[in-house]
Amino acid sequence: MKKLKITQVKSGIGRTKRQKDTLVALGFRRLNQTLEVESSPAIDGMVDKVKHLLKIEEI
């Protein structure tokens, strides 16, 4: 499995509840936080829904 390095670069303020909940489900707590996660269909789907708020890199 490939790993993803994802960083939240835009705030969830003013976004829909669904987008805010997706950020929390991914594990984000604050702006500019970086997470390394294993890529899976579920994670890829969540990242795709909020990709405009994230910076995504493959490791």
N, C-alpha and C. Protein backbone atom coordinates (compact mmCIF):
# COMPACT_ATOMS: atom_id res chain seq x y z
N MET A 1 0.83 -1.19 0.00
CA MET A 1 0.00 0.00 0.00
C MET A 1 0.87 1.25 0.00
N LYS A 2 0.42 2.25 -0.70
CA LYS A 2 1.15 3.51 -0.71
C LYS A 2 0.70 4.37 0.47
N LYS A 3 1.58 5.24 0.90
CA LYS A 3 1.27 6.15 1.98
C LYS A 3 1.06 7.55 1.42
N LEU A 4 0.21 8.30 2.08
CA LEU A 4 -0.05 9.68 1.70
C LEU A 4 0.36 10.60 2.84
N LYS A 5 0.98 11.70 2.46
CA LYS A 5 1.30 12.77 3.41
C LYS A 5 0.34 13.90 3.09
N ILE A 6 -0.61 14.16 4.00
CA ILE A 6 -1.62 15.17 3.74
C ILE A 6 -1.50 16.29 4.78
N THR A 7 -1.61 17.52 4.30
CA THR A 7 -1.50 18.70 5.16
C THR A 7 -2.73 19.57 4.94
N GLN A 8 -3.35 19.99 6.03
CA GLN A 8 -4.49 20.89 5.91
C GLN A 8 -3.96 22.30 5.70
N VAL A 9 -4.28 22.91 4.55
CA VAL A 9 -3.75 24.23 4.23
C VAL A 9 -4.83 25.32 4.24
N LYS A 10 -6.10 24.92 4.28
CA LYS A 10 -7.19 25.88 4.37
C LYS A 10 -8.10 25.49 5.52
N SER A 11 -8.73 26.46 6.12
CA SER A 11 -9.56 26.26 7.29
C SER A 11 -10.90 25.61 6.93
N GLY A 12 -11.48 24.92 7.91
CA GLY A 12 -12.80 24.34 7.76
C GLY A 12 -13.91 25.32 8.12
N ILE A 13 -13.54 26.50 8.61
CA ILE A 13 -14.54 27.50 8.99
C ILE A 13 -15.31 27.93 7.74
N GLY A 14 -16.62 27.96 7.85
CA GLY A 14 -17.46 28.38 6.74
C GLY A 14 -17.76 27.26 5.75
N ARG A 15 -17.27 26.06 6.02
CA ARG A 15 -17.52 24.91 5.13
C ARG A 15 -18.76 24.18 5.64
N THR A 16 -19.26 23.26 4.85
CA THR A 16 -20.43 22.50 5.26
C THR A 16 -20.07 21.56 6.40
N LYS A 17 -21.08 21.14 7.15
CA LYS A 17 -20.85 20.22 8.27
C LYS A 17 -20.22 18.93 7.78
N ARG A 18 -20.62 18.49 6.61
CA ARG A 18 -20.07 17.25 6.05
C ARG A 18 -18.56 17.37 5.82
N GLN A 19 -18.11 18.51 5.30
CA GLN A 19 -16.69 18.72 5.07
C GLN A 19 -15.93 18.83 6.39
N LYS A 20 -16.50 19.52 7.37
CA LYS A 20 -15.87 19.63 8.69
C LYS A 20 -15.73 18.25 9.33
N ASP A 21 -16.79 17.44 9.24
CA ASP A 21 -16.76 16.09 9.81
C ASP A 21 -15.74 15.22 9.11
N THR A 22 -15.56 15.42 7.82
CA THR A 22 -14.56 14.65 7.07
C THR A 22 -13.15 15.00 7.53
N LEU A 23 -12.89 16.27 7.78
CA LEU A 23 -11.57 16.67 8.30
C LEU A 23 -11.31 16.03 9.65
N VAL A 24 -12.31 16.01 10.52
CA VAL A 24 -12.16 15.39 11.84
C VAL A 24 -11.95 13.89 11.69
N ALA A 25 -12.67 13.25 10.79
CA ALA A 25 -12.54 11.80 10.57
C ALA A 25 -11.15 11.45 10.05
N LEU A 26 -10.55 12.33 9.28
CA LEU A 26 -9.18 12.10 8.80
C LEU A 26 -8.17 12.29 9.93
N GLY A 27 -8.53 13.02 10.97
CA GLY A 27 -7.64 13.20 12.11
C GLY A 27 -7.08 14.59 12.26
N PHE A 28 -7.57 15.55 11.49
CA PHE A 28 -7.07 16.91 11.57
C PHE A 28 -7.68 17.64 12.77
N ARG A 29 -6.83 18.37 13.48
CA ARG A 29 -7.27 19.16 14.62
C ARG A 29 -6.99 20.65 14.42
N ARG A 30 -5.98 20.96 13.59
CA ARG A 30 -5.61 22.37 13.42
C ARG A 30 -5.05 22.61 12.02
N LEU A 31 -5.00 23.86 11.65
CA LEU A 31 -4.48 24.27 10.36
C LEU A 31 -2.98 23.97 10.29
N ASN A 32 -2.51 23.62 9.12
CA ASN A 32 -1.11 23.29 8.84
C ASN A 32 -0.63 22.01 9.53
N GLN A 33 -1.55 21.21 10.02
CA GLN A 33 -1.19 19.92 10.61
C GLN A 33 -0.94 18.93 9.48
N THR A 34 0.08 18.08 9.62
CA THR A 34 0.42 17.10 8.61
C THR A 34 0.22 15.70 9.18
N LEU A 35 -0.40 14.84 8.38
CA LEU A 35 -0.63 13.45 8.77
C LEU A 35 -0.08 12.53 7.69
N GLU A 36 0.40 11.37 8.11
CA GLU A 36 0.80 10.32 7.17
C GLU A 36 -0.18 9.18 7.35
N VAL A 37 -0.88 8.82 6.29
CA VAL A 37 -1.88 7.76 6.36
C VAL A 37 -1.67 6.76 5.23
N GLU A 38 -2.07 5.52 5.50
CA GLU A 38 -2.06 4.48 4.47
C GLU A 38 -3.21 4.76 3.51
N SER A 39 -2.95 4.64 2.24
CA SER A 39 -3.98 4.85 1.24
C SER A 39 -4.91 3.63 1.20
N SER A 40 -6.20 3.90 1.22
CA SER A 40 -7.22 2.86 1.08
C SER A 40 -8.40 3.50 0.36
N PRO A 41 -9.33 2.71 -0.12
CA PRO A 41 -10.48 3.31 -0.81
C PRO A 41 -11.25 4.30 0.08
N ALA A 42 -11.39 3.99 1.36
CA ALA A 42 -12.12 4.87 2.27
C ALA A 42 -11.36 6.19 2.47
N ILE A 43 -10.07 6.11 2.70
CA ILE A 43 -9.25 7.32 2.90
C ILE A 43 -9.21 8.14 1.62
N ASP A 44 -9.04 7.47 0.48
CA ASP A 44 -9.00 8.18 -0.80
C ASP A 44 -10.30 8.94 -1.05
N GLY A 45 -11.43 8.34 -0.69
CA GLY A 45 -12.72 9.00 -0.86
C GLY A 45 -12.86 10.22 0.02
N MET A 46 -12.41 10.11 1.28
CA MET A 46 -12.48 11.26 2.18
C MET A 46 -11.58 12.39 1.72
N VAL A 47 -10.36 12.04 1.29
CA VAL A 47 -9.42 13.05 0.80
C VAL A 47 -9.99 13.74 -0.43
N ASP A 48 -10.64 12.98 -1.31
CA ASP A 48 -11.21 13.55 -2.53
C ASP A 48 -12.31 14.57 -2.21
N LYS A 49 -13.08 14.35 -1.15
CA LYS A 49 -14.17 15.25 -0.79
C LYS A 49 -13.69 16.60 -0.27
N VAL A 50 -12.48 16.63 0.31
CA VAL A 50 -11.97 17.89 0.87
C VAL A 50 -10.61 18.25 0.28
N LYS A 51 -10.35 17.80 -0.94
CA LYS A 51 -9.03 18.04 -1.56
C LYS A 51 -8.73 19.52 -1.76
N HIS A 52 -9.76 20.36 -1.81
CA HIS A 52 -9.54 21.80 -1.97
C HIS A 52 -9.02 22.44 -0.67
N LEU A 53 -9.05 21.70 0.44
CA LEU A 53 -8.55 22.19 1.73
C LEU A 53 -7.19 21.59 2.10
N LEU A 54 -6.73 20.63 1.28
CA LEU A 54 -5.55 19.86 1.63
C LEU A 54 -4.44 19.98 0.58
N LYS A 55 -3.22 19.70 1.04
CA LYS A 55 -2.07 19.49 0.14
C LYS A 55 -1.71 18.02 0.27
N ILE A 56 -1.67 17.29 -0.84
CA ILE A 56 -1.50 15.85 -0.82
C ILE A 56 -0.21 15.46 -1.53
N GLU A 57 0.60 14.62 -0.87
CA GLU A 57 1.84 14.11 -1.47
C GLU A 57 1.89 12.61 -1.27
N GLU A 58 2.40 11.90 -2.27
CA GLU A 58 2.62 10.46 -2.13
C GLU A 58 4.00 10.24 -1.57
N ILE A 59 4.10 9.26 -0.68
CA ILE A 59 5.39 8.93 -0.09
C ILE A 59 5.85 7.59 -0.66
